[in-house]
């Protein structure tokens, strides 16, 4: 499956799950900020991706859990180097460059973009 086909299916899932317009779902749109997803929405998105692509998503696989609450991962309101390393290892589909440049905790939700979700699906399909 080509990346543009994956994007179209991911876009359809996000439109359905988040009640957003197709034109809002661009590769650079953030799932939580631009598209307004809440943590609970990730369950529905995960389920719909499983149905659309025929694979199983384990808990914390799309976006690692505990990053924001683990004192080893976050100190003084900033993601630590250990936190960045964990994100790079457990979520290679997420581009952490912006978080590396500005590690403030509130930036964590901004790095999970539609493009990261498409990359996640690509990796799952290739596995």
PDB file of N, CA and C in Angstrom:
ATOM      1  N   UNK A   1       0.840  -1.175   0.000  1.00  0.00           N
ATOM      2  CA  UNK A   1       0.000   0.000   0.000  1.00  0.00           C
ATOM      3  C   UNK A   1       0.892   1.248   0.000  1.00  0.00           C
ATOM      4  N   UNK A   2       0.584   2.178  -0.863  1.00  0.00           N
ATOM      5  CA  UNK A   2       1.366   3.410  -0.987  1.00  0.00           C
ATOM      6  C   UNK A   2       1.019   4.383   0.146  1.00  0.00           C
ATOM      7  N   UNK A   3       1.977   5.271   0.453  1.00  0.00           N
ATOM      8  CA  UNK A   3       1.794   6.228   1.543  1.00  0.00           C
ATOM      9  C   UNK A   3       0.559   7.106   1.334  1.00  0.00           C
ATOM     10  N   UNK A   4       0.294   7.524   0.093  1.00  0.00           N
ATOM     11  CA  UNK A   4      -0.874   8.375  -0.141  1.00  0.00           C
ATOM     12  C   UNK A   4      -2.176   7.611   0.105  1.00  0.00           C
ATOM     13  N   UNK A   5      -2.197   6.318  -0.166  1.00  0.00           N
ATOM     14  CA  UNK A   5      -3.374   5.498   0.128  1.00  0.00           C
ATOM     15  C   UNK A   5      -3.559   5.353   1.644  1.00  0.00           C
ATOM     16  N   UNK A   6      -2.448   5.170   2.349  1.00  0.00           N
ATOM     17  CA  UNK A   6      -2.496   5.084   3.805  1.00  0.00           C
ATOM     18  C   UNK A   6      -3.018   6.402   4.368  1.00  0.00           C
ATOM     19  N   UNK A   7      -2.491   7.517   3.862  1.00  0.00           N
ATOM     20  CA  UNK A   7      -2.950   8.835   4.329  1.00  0.00           C
ATOM     21  C   UNK A   7      -4.458   8.975   4.150  1.00  0.00           C
ATOM     22  N   UNK A   8      -4.977   8.583   2.989  1.00  0.00           N
ATOM     23  CA  UNK A   8      -6.413   8.721   2.735  1.00  0.00           C
ATOM     24  C   UNK A   8      -7.243   7.933   3.748  1.00  0.00           C
ATOM     25  N   UNK A   9      -6.808   6.707   4.052  1.00  0.00           N
ATOM     26  CA  UNK A   9      -7.540   5.896   5.030  1.00  0.00           C
ATOM     27  C   UNK A   9      -7.421   6.478   6.438  1.00  0.00           C
ATOM     28  N   UNK A  10      -6.227   6.937   6.787  1.00  0.00           N
ATOM     29  CA  UNK A  10      -6.035   7.569   8.095  1.00  0.00           C
ATOM     30  C   UNK A  10      -6.895   8.822   8.176  1.00  0.00           C
ATOM     31  N   UNK A  11      -6.916   9.607   7.127  1.00  0.00           N
ATOM     32  CA  UNK A  11      -7.752  10.821   7.096  1.00  0.00           C
ATOM     33  C   UNK A  11      -9.219  10.458   7.322  1.00  0.00           C
ATOM     34  N   UNK A  12      -9.699   9.407   6.648  1.00  0.00           N
ATOM     35  CA  UNK A  12     -11.092   8.982   6.809  1.00  0.00           C
ATOM     36  C   UNK A  12     -11.385   8.590   8.256  1.00  0.00           C
ATOM     37  N   UNK A  13     -10.440   7.883   8.875  1.00  0.00           N
ATOM     38  CA  UNK A  13     -10.602   7.489  10.281  1.00  0.00           C
ATOM     39  C   UNK A  13     -10.690   8.728  11.168  1.00  0.00           C
ATOM     40  N   UNK A  14      -9.798   9.685  10.953  1.00  0.00           N
ATOM     41  CA  UNK A  14      -9.775  10.890  11.784  1.00  0.00           C
ATOM     42  C   UNK A  14     -11.026  11.743  11.579  1.00  0.00           C
ATOM     43  N   UNK A  15     -11.504  11.839  10.355  1.00  0.00           N
ATOM     44  CA  UNK A  15     -12.733  12.579  10.069  1.00  0.00           C
ATOM     45  C   UNK A  15     -13.895  11.947  10.833  1.00  0.00           C
ATOM     46  N   UNK A  16     -13.969  10.627  10.797  1.00  0.00           N
ATOM     47  CA  UNK A  16     -15.048   9.907  11.486  1.00  0.00           C
ATOM     48  C   UNK A  16     -14.922  10.022  13.008  1.00  0.00           C
ATOM     49  N   UNK A  17     -13.737   9.769  13.525  1.00  0.00           N
ATOM     50  CA  UNK A  17     -13.535   9.713  14.979  1.00  0.00           C
ATOM     51  C   UNK A  17     -13.595  11.081  15.646  1.00  0.00           C
ATOM     52  N   UNK A  18     -13.137  12.110  14.939  1.00  0.00           N
ATOM     53  CA  UNK A  18     -13.027  13.436  15.559  1.00  0.00           C
ATOM     54  C   UNK A  18     -14.042  14.452  15.031  1.00  0.00           C
ATOM     55  N   UNK A  19     -14.874  14.032  14.084  1.00  0.00           N
ATOM     56  CA  UNK A  19     -15.882  14.916  13.497  1.00  0.00           C
ATOM     57  C   UNK A  19     -15.256  16.208  12.974  1.00  0.00           C
ATOM     58  N   UNK A  20     -14.166  16.039  12.215  1.00  0.00           N
ATOM     59  CA  UNK A  20     -13.510  17.179  11.582  1.00  0.00           C
ATOM     60  C   UNK A  20     -13.712  17.088  10.071  1.00  0.00           C
ATOM     61  N   UNK A  21     -13.477  18.185   9.383  1.00  0.00           N
ATOM     62  CA  UNK A  21     -13.584  18.195   7.927  1.00  0.00           C
ATOM     63  C   UNK A  21     -12.324  17.609   7.310  1.00  0.00           C
ATOM     64  N   UNK A  22     -12.486  16.994   6.145  1.00  0.00           N
ATOM     65  CA  UNK A  22     -11.348  16.392   5.440  1.00  0.00           C
ATOM     66  C   UNK A  22     -10.203  17.377   5.239  1.00  0.00           C
ATOM     67  N   UNK A  23     -10.530  18.616   4.894  1.00  0.00           N
ATOM     68  CA  UNK A  23      -9.480  19.591   4.597  1.00  0.00           C
ATOM     69  C   UNK A  23      -8.674  19.997   5.833  1.00  0.00           C
ATOM     70  N   UNK A  24      -9.187  19.681   7.034  1.00  0.00           N
ATOM     71  CA  UNK A  24      -8.440  19.949   8.263  1.00  0.00           C
ATOM     72  C   UNK A  24      -7.353  18.913   8.504  1.00  0.00           C
ATOM     73  N   UNK A  25      -7.524  17.736   7.915  1.00  0.00           N
ATOM     74  CA  UNK A  25      -6.603  16.623   8.145  1.00  0.00           C
ATOM     75  C   UNK A  25      -5.477  16.689   7.111  1.00  0.00           C
ATOM     76  N   UNK A  26      -4.447  17.439   7.475  1.00  0.00           N
ATOM     77  CA  UNK A  26      -3.262  17.571   6.636  1.00  0.00           C
ATOM     78  C   UNK A  26      -2.119  16.829   7.329  1.00  0.00           C
ATOM     79  N   UNK A  27      -1.064  16.474   6.606  1.00  0.00           N
ATOM     80  CA  UNK A  27       0.042  15.754   7.239  1.00  0.00           C
ATOM     81  C   UNK A  27       0.623  16.466   8.459  1.00  0.00           C
ATOM     82  N   UNK A  28       0.675  17.789   8.426  1.00  0.00           N
ATOM     83  CA  UNK A  28       1.296  18.525   9.535  1.00  0.00           C
ATOM     84  C   UNK A  28       0.332  18.856  10.675  1.00  0.00           C
ATOM     85  N   UNK A  29      -0.945  18.568  10.506  1.00  0.00           N
ATOM     86  CA  UNK A  29      -1.927  18.842  11.564  1.00  0.00           C
ATOM     87  C   UNK A  29      -1.634  17.981  12.784  1.00  0.00           C
ATOM     88  N   UNK A  30      -1.731  18.597  13.964  1.00  0.00           N
ATOM     89  CA  UNK A  30      -1.507  17.839  15.190  1.00  0.00           C
ATOM     90  C   UNK A  30      -2.825  17.182  15.607  1.00  0.00           C
ATOM     91  N   UNK A  31      -2.705  15.953  16.079  1.00  0.00           N
ATOM     92  CA  UNK A  31      -3.892  15.178  16.448  1.00  0.00           C
ATOM     93  C   UNK A  31      -4.629  15.841  17.614  1.00  0.00           C
ATOM     94  N   UNK A  32      -3.879  16.247  18.631  1.00  0.00           N
ATOM     95  CA  UNK A  32      -4.515  16.817  19.824  1.00  0.00           C
ATOM     96  C   UNK A  32      -4.816  18.300  19.676  1.00  0.00           C
ATOM     97  N   UNK A  33      -3.897  19.072  19.123  1.00  0.00           N
ATOM     98  CA  UNK A  33      -4.089  20.518  19.017  1.00  0.00           C
ATOM     99  C   UNK A  33      -4.986  20.916  17.872  1.00  0.00           C
ATOM    100  N   UNK A  34      -4.542  20.666  16.660  1.00  0.00           N
ATOM    101  CA  UNK A  34      -5.282  21.107  15.479  1.00  0.00           C
ATOM    102  C   UNK A  34      -6.605  20.373  15.291  1.00  0.00           C
ATOM    103  N   UNK A  35      -6.606  19.065  15.559  1.00  0.00           N
ATOM    104  CA  UNK A  35      -7.813  18.265  15.311  1.00  0.00           C
ATOM    105  C   UNK A  35      -8.666  18.062  16.557  1.00  0.00           C
ATOM    106  N   UNK A  36      -8.170  18.517  17.703  1.00  0.00           N
ATOM    107  CA  UNK A  36      -8.967  18.522  18.918  1.00  0.00           C
ATOM    108  C   UNK A  36      -9.200  17.187  19.594  1.00  0.00           C
ATOM    109  N   UNK A  37      -8.357  16.201  19.321  1.00  0.00           N
ATOM    110  CA  UNK A  37      -8.527  14.896  19.964  1.00  0.00           C
ATOM    111  C   UNK A  37      -8.280  14.990  21.462  1.00  0.00           C
ATOM    112  N   UNK A  38      -9.000  14.173  22.202  1.00  0.00           N
ATOM    113  CA  UNK A  38      -8.792  13.981  23.633  1.00  0.00           C
ATOM    114  C   UNK A  38      -8.196  12.588  23.798  1.00  0.00           C
ATOM    115  N   UNK A  39      -7.666  12.317  24.968  1.00  0.00           N
ATOM    116  CA  UNK A  39      -7.065  11.002  25.207  1.00  0.00           C
ATOM    117  C   UNK A  39      -8.041   9.866  24.912  1.00  0.00           C
ATOM    118  N   UNK A  40      -9.292  10.033  25.289  1.00  0.00           N
ATOM    119  CA  UNK A  40     -10.298   8.990  25.063  1.00  0.00           C
ATOM    120  C   UNK A  40     -10.523   8.739  23.572  1.00  0.00           C
ATOM    121  N   UNK A  41     -10.345   9.767  22.745  1.00  0.00           N
ATOM    122  CA  UNK A  41     -10.510   9.612  21.298  1.00  0.00           C
ATOM    123  C   UNK A  41      -9.485   8.644  20.712  1.00  0.00           C
ATOM    124  N   UNK A  42      -8.345   8.526  21.380  1.00  0.00           N
ATOM    125  CA  UNK A  42      -7.295   7.652  20.855  1.00  0.00           C
ATOM    126  C   UNK A  42      -7.734   6.187  20.852  1.00  0.00           C
ATOM    127  N   UNK A  43      -8.612   5.816  21.768  1.00  0.00           N
ATOM    128  CA  UNK A  43      -9.147   4.451  21.768  1.00  0.00           C
ATOM    129  C   UNK A  43      -9.961   4.200  20.507  1.00  0.00           C
ATOM    130  N   UNK A  44     -10.823   5.141  20.170  1.00  0.00           N
ATOM    131  CA  UNK A  44     -11.648   5.013  18.976  1.00  0.00           C
ATOM    132  C   UNK A  44     -10.785   5.046  17.719  1.00  0.00           C
ATOM    133  N   UNK A  45      -9.831   5.948  17.672  1.00  0.00           N
ATOM    134  CA  UNK A  45      -8.938   6.036  16.518  1.00  0.00           C
ATOM    135  C   UNK A  45      -8.176   4.726  16.351  1.00  0.00           C
ATOM    136  N   UNK A  46      -7.647   4.205  17.453  1.00  0.00           N
ATOM    137  CA  UNK A  46      -6.926   2.937  17.394  1.00  0.00           C
ATOM    138  C   UNK A  46      -7.801   1.805  16.886  1.00  0.00           C
ATOM    139  N   UNK A  47      -9.022   1.713  17.411  1.00  0.00           N
ATOM    140  CA  UNK A  47      -9.956   0.675  16.977  1.00  0.00           C
ATOM    141  C   UNK A  47     -10.260   0.808  15.488  1.00  0.00           C
ATOM    142  N   UNK A  48     -10.528   2.029  15.042  1.00  0.00           N
ATOM    143  CA  UNK A  48     -10.852   2.240  13.626  1.00  0.00           C
ATOM    144  C   UNK A  48      -9.658   1.943  12.718  1.00  0.00           C
ATOM    145  N   UNK A  49      -8.449   2.268  13.182  1.00  0.00           N
ATOM    146  CA  UNK A  49      -7.254   1.928  12.390  1.00  0.00           C
ATOM    147  C   UNK A  49      -7.095   0.418  12.285  1.00  0.00           C
ATOM    148  N   UNK A  50      -7.341  -0.282  13.388  1.00  0.00           N
ATOM    149  CA  UNK A  50      -7.267  -1.752  13.362  1.00  0.00           C
ATOM    150  C   UNK A  50      -8.237  -2.319  12.326  1.00  0.00           C
ATOM    151  N   UNK A  51      -9.451  -1.783  12.314  1.00  0.00           N
ATOM    152  CA  UNK A  51     -10.463  -2.252  11.366  1.00  0.00           C
ATOM    153  C   UNK A  51     -10.079  -1.899   9.922  1.00  0.00           C
ATOM    154  N   UNK A  52      -9.598  -0.695   9.711  1.00  0.00           N
ATOM    155  CA  UNK A  52      -9.290  -0.226   8.365  1.00  0.00           C
ATOM    156  C   UNK A  52      -8.083  -0.938   7.752  1.00  0.00           C
ATOM    157  N   UNK A  53      -7.100  -1.295   8.604  1.00  0.00           N
ATOM    158  CA  UNK A  53      -5.859  -1.848   8.074  1.00  0.00           C
ATOM    159  C   UNK A  53      -5.633  -3.313   8.429  1.00  0.00           C
ATOM    160  N   UNK A  54      -6.455  -3.875   9.315  1.00  0.00           N
ATOM    161  CA  UNK A  54      -6.347  -5.289   9.633  1.00  0.00           C
ATOM    162  C   UNK A  54      -5.166  -5.681  10.497  1.00  0.00           C
ATOM    163  N   UNK A  55      -4.785  -4.813  11.425  1.00  0.00           N
ATOM    164  CA  UNK A  55      -3.730  -5.184  12.369  1.00  0.00           C
ATOM    165  C   UNK A  55      -4.162  -4.851  13.782  1.00  0.00           C
ATOM    166  N   UNK A  56      -3.416  -5.336  14.758  1.00  0.00           N
ATOM    167  CA  UNK A  56      -3.704  -5.102  16.181  1.00  0.00           C
ATOM    168  C   UNK A  56      -2.750  -4.038  16.703  1.00  0.00           C
ATOM    169  N   UNK A  57      -3.272  -3.108  17.480  1.00  0.00           N
ATOM    170  CA  UNK A  57      -2.464  -2.066  18.098  1.00  0.00           C
ATOM    171  C   UNK A  57      -2.435  -2.327  19.598  1.00  0.00           C
ATOM    172  N   UNK A  58      -1.245  -2.515  20.127  1.00  0.00           N
ATOM    173  CA  UNK A  58      -1.091  -2.744  21.560  1.00  0.00           C
ATOM    174  C   UNK A  58      -1.212  -1.421  22.314  1.00  0.00           C
ATOM    175  N   UNK A  59      -1.598  -1.506  23.572  1.00  0.00           N
ATOM    176  CA  UNK A  59      -1.730  -0.314  24.410  1.00  0.00           C
ATOM    177  C   UNK A  59      -0.394   0.425  24.484  1.00  0.00           C
ATOM    178  N   UNK A  60      -0.417   1.731  24.255  1.00  0.00           N
ATOM    179  CA  UNK A  60       0.783   2.549  24.318  1.00  0.00           C
ATOM    180  C   UNK A  60       1.676   2.462  23.089  1.00  0.00           C
ATOM    181  N   UNK A  61       1.248   1.736  22.082  1.00  0.00           N
ATOM    182  CA  UNK A  61       2.079   1.564  20.882  1.00  0.00           C
ATOM    183  C   UNK A  61       2.031   2.778  19.955  1.00  0.00           C
ATOM    184  N   UNK A  62       0.860   3.378  19.786  1.00  0.00           N
ATOM    185  CA  UNK A  62       0.749   4.550  18.918  1.00  0.00           C
ATOM    186  C   UNK A  62       1.432   5.752  19.530  1.00  0.00           C
ATOM    187  N   UNK A  63       1.169   5.950  20.818  1.00  0.00           N
ATOM    188  CA  UNK A  63       1.780   7.050  21.550  1.00  0.00           C
ATOM    189  C   UNK A  63       2.108   6.526  22.938  1.00  0.00           C
ATOM    190  N   UNK A  64       3.383   6.442  23.273  1.00  0.00           N
ATOM    191  CA  UNK A  64       3.792   5.845  24.559  1.00  0.00           C
ATOM    192  C   UNK A  64       3.114   6.513  25.751  1.00  0.00           C
ATOM    193  N   UNK A  65       2.711   5.680  26.683  1.00  0.00           N
ATOM    194  CA  UNK A  65       2.042   6.178  27.876  1.00  0.00           C
ATOM    195  C   UNK A  65       3.055   6.493  28.962  1.00  0.00           C
ATOM    196  N   UNK A  66       2.671   7.362  29.863  1.00  0.00           N
ATOM    197  CA  UNK A  66       3.480   7.644  31.036  1.00  0.00           C
ATOM    198  C   UNK A  66       4.584   8.663  30.847  1.00  0.00           C
ATOM    199  N   UNK A  67       4.757   9.156  29.638  1.00  0.00           N
ATOM    200  CA  UNK A  67       5.829  10.123  29.396  1.00  0.00           C
ATOM    201  C   UNK A  67       5.658  11.347  30.282  1.00  0.00           C
ATOM    202  N   UNK A  68       4.452  11.843  30.368  1.00  0.00           N
ATOM    203  CA  UNK A  68       4.230  13.104  31.074  1.00  0.00           C
ATOM    204  C   UNK A  68       4.135  12.953  32.584  1.00  0.00           C
ATOM    205  N   UNK A  69       3.986  11.726  33.074  1.00  0.00           N
ATOM    206  CA  UNK A  69       3.826  11.550  34.517  1.00  0.00           C
ATOM    207  C   UNK A  69       5.031  10.896  35.195  1.00  0.00           C
ATOM    208  N   UNK A  70       5.986  10.407  34.441  1.00  0.00           N
ATOM    209  CA  UNK A  70       7.158   9.736  35.001  1.00  0.00           C
ATOM    210  C   UNK A  70       8.221  10.778  35.357  1.00  0.00           C
ATOM    211  N   UNK A  71       8.637  10.843  36.628  1.00  0.00           N
ATOM    212  CA  UNK A  71       9.622  11.856  37.031  1.00  0.00           C
ATOM    213  C   UNK A  71      10.993  11.682  36.364  1.00  0.00           C
ATOM    214  N   UNK A  72      11.286  10.504  35.845  1.00  0.00           N
ATOM    215  CA  UNK A  72      12.524  10.325  35.091  1.00  0.00           C
ATOM    216  C   UNK A  72      12.417  10.909  33.684  1.00  0.00           C
ATOM    217  N   UNK A  73      11.181  11.017  33.193  1.00  0.00           N
ATOM    218  CA  UNK A  73      10.938  11.495  31.830  1.00  0.00           C
ATOM    219  C   UNK A  73      10.682  12.996  31.773  1.00  0.00           C
ATOM    220  N   UNK A  74      10.176  13.535  32.876  1.00  0.00           N
ATOM    221  CA  UNK A  74       9.847  14.965  32.933  1.00  0.00           C
ATOM    222  C   UNK A  74      10.334  15.544  34.253  1.00  0.00           C
ATOM    223  N   UNK A  75      11.070  16.645  34.156  1.00  0.00           N
ATOM    224  CA  UNK A  75      11.526  17.359  35.345  1.00  0.00           C
ATOM    225  C   UNK A  75      11.412  18.848  35.089  1.00  0.00           C
ATOM    226  N   UNK A  76      10.930  19.565  36.075  1.00  0.00           N
ATOM    227  CA  UNK A  76      10.780  21.019  35.976  1.00  0.00           C
ATOM    228  C   UNK A  76       9.981  21.438  34.742  1.00  0.00           C
ATOM    229  N   UNK A  77       8.961  20.647  34.409  1.00  0.00           N
ATOM    230  CA  UNK A  77       8.093  20.990  33.290  1.00  0.00           C
ATOM    231  C   UNK A  77       8.692  20.762  31.923  1.00  0.00           C
ATOM    232  N   UNK A  78       9.810  20.014  31.874  1.00  0.00           N
ATOM    233  CA  UNK A  78      10.467  19.751  30.595  1.00  0.00           C
ATOM    234  C   UNK A  78      10.737  18.259  30.445  1.00  0.00           C
ATOM    235  N   UNK A  79      10.644  17.790  29.207  1.00  0.00           N
ATOM    236  CA  UNK A  79      10.969  16.394  28.909  1.00  0.00           C
ATOM    237  C   UNK A  79      12.478  16.245  29.016  1.00  0.00           C
ATOM    238  N   UNK A  80      12.903  15.252  29.777  1.00  0.00           N
ATOM    239  CA  UNK A  80      14.331  15.024  29.983  1.00  0.00           C
ATOM    240  C   UNK A  80      14.938  14.287  28.787  1.00  0.00           C
ATOM    241  N   UNK A  81      16.241  14.178  28.785  1.00  0.00           N
ATOM    242  CA  UNK A  81      16.914  13.408  27.734  1.00  0.00           C
ATOM    243  C   UNK A  81      16.451  11.953  27.774  1.00  0.00           C
ATOM    244  N   UNK A  82      16.221  11.420  28.979  1.00  0.00           N
ATOM    245  CA  UNK A  82      15.702  10.054  29.100  1.00  0.00           C
ATOM    246  C   UNK A  82      14.319   9.944  28.467  1.00  0.00           C
ATOM    247  N   UNK A  83      13.507  10.963  28.646  1.00  0.00           N
ATOM    248  CA  UNK A  83      12.180  10.981  28.034  1.00  0.00           C
ATOM    249  C   UNK A  83      12.255  11.035  26.519  1.00  0.00           C
ATOM    250  N   UNK A  84      13.147  11.864  25.994  1.00  0.00           N
ATOM    251  CA  UNK A  84      13.339  11.944  24.548  1.00  0.00           C
ATOM    252  C   UNK A  84      13.845  10.618  23.991  1.00  0.00           C
ATOM    253  N   UNK A  85      14.772   9.998  24.703  1.00  0.00           N
ATOM    254  CA  UNK A  85      15.309   8.710  24.265  1.00  0.00           C
ATOM    255  C   UNK A  85      14.202   7.664  24.232  1.00  0.00           C
ATOM    256  N   UNK A  86      13.374   7.641  25.269  1.00  0.00           N
ATOM    257  CA  UNK A  86      12.267   6.694  25.314  1.00  0.00           C
ATOM    258  C   UNK A  86      11.297   6.928  24.156  1.00  0.00           C
ATOM    259  N   UNK A  87      10.982   8.173  23.868  1.00  0.00           N
ATOM    260  CA  UNK A  87      10.101   8.471  22.744  1.00  0.00           C
ATOM    261  C   UNK A  87      10.706   8.012  21.420  1.00  0.00           C
ATOM    262  N   UNK A  88      11.992   8.273  21.236  1.00  0.00           N
ATOM    263  CA  UNK A  88      12.657   7.852  19.994  1.00  0.00           C
ATOM    264  C   UNK A  88      12.622   6.329  19.840  1.00  0.00           C
ATOM    265  N   UNK A  89      12.821   5.613  20.941  1.00  0.00           N
ATOM    266  CA  UNK A  89      12.863   4.154  20.899  1.00  0.00           C
ATOM    267  C   UNK A  89      11.477   3.535  20.757  1.00  0.00           C
ATOM    268  N   UNK A  90      10.526   4.000  21.536  1.00  0.00           N
ATOM    269  CA  UNK A  90       9.200   3.378  21.552  1.00  0.00           C
ATOM    270  C   UNK A  90       8.238   3.953  20.523  1.00  0.00           C
ATOM    271  N   UNK A  91       8.582   5.106  19.955  1.00  0.00           N
ATOM    272  CA  UNK A  91       7.708   5.730  18.958  1.00  0.00           C
ATOM    273  C   UNK A  91       8.544   6.301  17.813  1.00  0.00           C
ATOM    274  N   UNK A  92       9.230   5.420  17.065  1.00  0.00           N
ATOM    275  CA  UNK A  92      10.081   5.920  15.976  1.00  0.00           C
ATOM    276  C   UNK A  92       9.311   6.629  14.868  1.00  0.00           C
ATOM    277  N   UNK A  93       7.992   6.481  14.858  1.00  0.00           N
ATOM    278  CA  UNK A  93       7.156   7.138  13.861  1.00  0.00           C
ATOM    279  C   UNK A  93       6.928   8.624  14.176  1.00  0.00           C
ATOM    280  N   UNK A  94       7.306   9.049  15.367  1.00  0.00           N
ATOM    281  CA  UNK A  94       7.106  10.439  15.779  1.00  0.00           C
ATOM    282  C   UNK A  94       8.408  11.218  15.610  1.00  0.00           C
ATOM    283  N   UNK A  95       8.321  12.347  14.932  1.00  0.00           N
ATOM    284  CA  UNK A  95       9.473  13.215  14.757  1.00  0.00           C
ATOM    285  C   UNK A  95       9.634  14.054  16.029  1.00  0.00           C
ATOM    286  N   UNK A  96      10.699  13.801  16.768  1.00  0.00           N
ATOM    287  CA  UNK A  96      10.895  14.489  18.052  1.00  0.00           C
ATOM    288  C   UNK A  96      11.736  15.761  17.931  1.00  0.00           C
ATOM    289  N   UNK A  97      12.081  16.170  16.727  1.00  0.00           N
ATOM    290  CA  UNK A  97      12.963  17.331  16.535  1.00  0.00           C
ATOM    291  C   UNK A  97      12.423  18.595  17.217  1.00  0.00           C
ATOM    292  N   UNK A  98      11.136  18.858  17.088  1.00  0.00           N
ATOM    293  CA  UNK A  98      10.558  20.064  17.702  1.00  0.00           C
ATOM    294  C   UNK A  98      10.629  19.988  19.221  1.00  0.00           C
ATOM    295  N   UNK A  99      10.446  18.796  19.768  1.00  0.00           N
ATOM    296  CA  UNK A  99      10.514  18.618  21.211  1.00  0.00           C
ATOM    297  C   UNK A  99      11.957  18.714  21.708  1.00  0.00           C
ATOM    298  N   UNK A 100      12.883  18.278  20.888  1.00  0.00           N
ATOM    299  CA  UNK A 100      14.302  18.411  21.242  1.00  0.00           C
ATOM    300  C   UNK A 100      14.689  19.889  21.303  1.00  0.00           C
ATOM    301  N   UNK A 101      14.151  20.681  20.382  1.00  0.00           N
ATOM    302  CA  UNK A 101      14.447  22.108  20.342  1.00  0.00           C
ATOM    303  C   UNK A 101      13.758  22.856  21.482  1.00  0.00           C
ATOM    304  N   UNK A 102      12.568  22.400  21.864  1.00  0.00           N
ATOM    305  CA  UNK A 102      11.800  23.041  22.926  1.00  0.00           C
ATOM    306  C   UNK A 102      11.135  21.944  23.754  1.00  0.00           C
ATOM    307  N   UNK A 103      11.824  21.456  24.789  1.00  0.00           N
ATOM    308  CA  UNK A 103      11.331  20.288  25.531  1.00  0.00           C
ATOM    309  C   UNK A 103      10.240  20.560  26.570  1.00  0.00           C
ATOM    310  N   UNK A 104       9.612  21.728  26.507  1.00  0.00           N
ATOM    311  CA  UNK A 104       8.544  21.999  27.473  1.00  0.00           C
ATOM    312  C   UNK A 104       7.438  20.951  27.356  1.00  0.00           C
ATOM    313  N   UNK A 105       6.925  20.537  28.478  1.00  0.00           N
ATOM    314  CA  UNK A 105       5.933  19.472  28.556  1.00  0.00           C
ATOM    315  C   UNK A 105       4.733  19.705  27.639  1.00  0.00           C
ATOM    316  N   UNK A 106       4.275  20.940  27.548  1.00  0.00           N
ATOM    317  CA  UNK A 106       3.099  21.212  26.719  1.00  0.00           C
ATOM    318  C   UNK A 106       3.358  20.948  25.231  1.00  0.00           C
ATOM    319  N   UNK A 107       4.602  20.812  24.833  1.00  0.00           N
ATOM    320  CA  UNK A 107       4.950  20.544  23.440  1.00  0.00           C
ATOM    321  C   UNK A 107       4.773  19.075  23.060  1.00  0.00           C
ATOM    322  N   UNK A 108       4.656  18.194  24.060  1.00  0.00           N
ATOM    323  CA  UNK A 108       4.556  16.757  23.785  1.00  0.00           C
ATOM    324  C   UNK A 108       3.370  16.452  22.870  1.00  0.00           C
ATOM    325  N   UNK A 109       2.242  17.043  23.140  1.00  0.00           N
ATOM    326  CA  UNK A 109       1.055  16.775  22.322  1.00  0.00           C
ATOM    327  C   UNK A 109       1.185  17.324  20.903  1.00  0.00           C
ATOM    328  N   UNK A 110       2.084  18.276  20.700  1.00  0.00           N
ATOM    329  CA  UNK A 110       2.245  18.891  19.388  1.00  0.00           C
ATOM    330  C   UNK A 110       3.071  18.051  18.429  1.00  0.00           C
ATOM    331  N   UNK A 111       3.791  17.070  18.937  1.00  0.00           N
ATOM    332  CA  UNK A 111       4.631  16.261  18.041  1.00  0.00           C
ATOM    333  C   UNK A 111       3.877  15.077  17.445  1.00  0.00           C
ATOM    334  N   UNK A 112       2.668  14.807  17.945  1.00  0.00           N
ATOM    335  CA  UNK A 112       1.879  13.702  17.408  1.00  0.00           C
ATOM    336  C   UNK A 112       0.993  14.250  16.296  1.00  0.00           C
ATOM    337  N   UNK A 113       1.484  14.141  15.079  1.00  0.00           N
ATOM    338  CA  UNK A 113       0.824  14.713  13.904  1.00  0.00           C
ATOM    339  C   UNK A 113       0.146  13.623  13.075  1.00  0.00           C
ATOM    340  N   UNK A 114      -0.627  14.059  12.098  1.00  0.00           N
ATOM    341  CA  UNK A 114      -1.233  13.118  11.149  1.00  0.00           C
ATOM    342  C   UNK A 114      -0.126  12.354  10.431  1.00  0.00           C
ATOM    343  N   UNK A 115       0.946  13.045  10.061  1.00  0.00           N
ATOM    344  CA  UNK A 115       2.066  12.388   9.390  1.00  0.00           C
ATOM    345  C   UNK A 115       2.668  11.292  10.270  1.00  0.00           C
ATOM    346  N   UNK A 116       2.770  11.542  11.576  1.00  0.00           N
ATOM    347  CA  UNK A 116       3.278  10.521  12.496  1.00  0.00           C
ATOM    348  C   UNK A 116       2.351   9.313  12.525  1.00  0.00           C
ATOM    349  N   UNK A 117       1.056   9.553  12.466  1.00  0.00           N
ATOM    350  CA  UNK A 117       0.092   8.464  12.456  1.00  0.00           C
ATOM    351  C   UNK A 117       0.200   7.654  11.163  1.00  0.00           C
ATOM    352  N   UNK A 118       0.401   8.331  10.046  1.00  0.00           N
ATOM    353  CA  UNK A 118       0.595   7.644   8.767  1.00  0.00           C
ATOM    354  C   UNK A 118       1.881   6.803   8.824  1.00  0.00           C
ATOM    355  N   UNK A 119       2.934   7.363   9.389  1.00  0.00           N
ATOM    356  CA  UNK A 119       4.191   6.617   9.534  1.00  0.00           C
ATOM    357  C   UNK A 119       4.003   5.403  10.438  1.00  0.00           C
ATOM    358  N   UNK A 120       3.214   5.556  11.499  1.00  0.00           N
ATOM    359  CA  UNK A 120       2.914   4.442  12.398  1.00  0.00           C
ATOM    360  C   UNK A 120       2.241   3.310  11.616  1.00  0.00           C
ATOM    361  N   UNK A 121       1.228   3.644  10.832  1.00  0.00           N
ATOM    362  CA  UNK A 121       0.515   2.636  10.046  1.00  0.00           C
ATOM    363  C   UNK A 121       1.459   1.995   9.041  1.00  0.00           C
ATOM    364  N   UNK A 122       2.288   2.788   8.393  1.00  0.00           N
ATOM    365  CA  UNK A 122       3.275   2.251   7.444  1.00  0.00           C
ATOM    366  C   UNK A 122       4.154   1.194   8.098  1.00  0.00           C
ATOM    367  N   UNK A 123       4.663   1.506   9.284  1.00  0.00           N
ATOM    368  CA  UNK A 123       5.521   0.569  10.028  1.00  0.00           C
ATOM    369  C   UNK A 123       4.763  -0.697  10.405  1.00  0.00           C
ATOM    370  N   UNK A 124       3.523  -0.535  10.843  1.00  0.00           N
ATOM    371  CA  UNK A 124       2.713  -1.699  11.212  1.00  0.00           C
ATOM    372  C   UNK A 124       2.469  -2.603  10.001  1.00  0.00           C
ATOM    373  N   UNK A 125       2.172  -2.006   8.865  1.00  0.00           N
ATOM    374  CA  UNK A 125       1.918  -2.796   7.667  1.00  0.00           C
ATOM    375  C   UNK A 125       3.183  -3.489   7.161  1.00  0.00           C
ATOM    376  N   UNK A 126       4.337  -2.859   7.378  1.00  0.00           N
ATOM    377  CA  UNK A 126       5.597  -3.438   6.913  1.00  0.00           C
ATOM    378  C   UNK A 126       6.085  -4.566   7.828  1.00  0.00           C
ATOM    379  N   UNK A 127       5.609  -4.579   9.076  1.00  0.00           N
ATOM    380  CA  UNK A 127       6.068  -5.585  10.049  1.00  0.00           C
ATOM    381  C   UNK A 127       5.500  -6.973   9.764  1.00  0.00           C
TER     382      UNK A 127
END
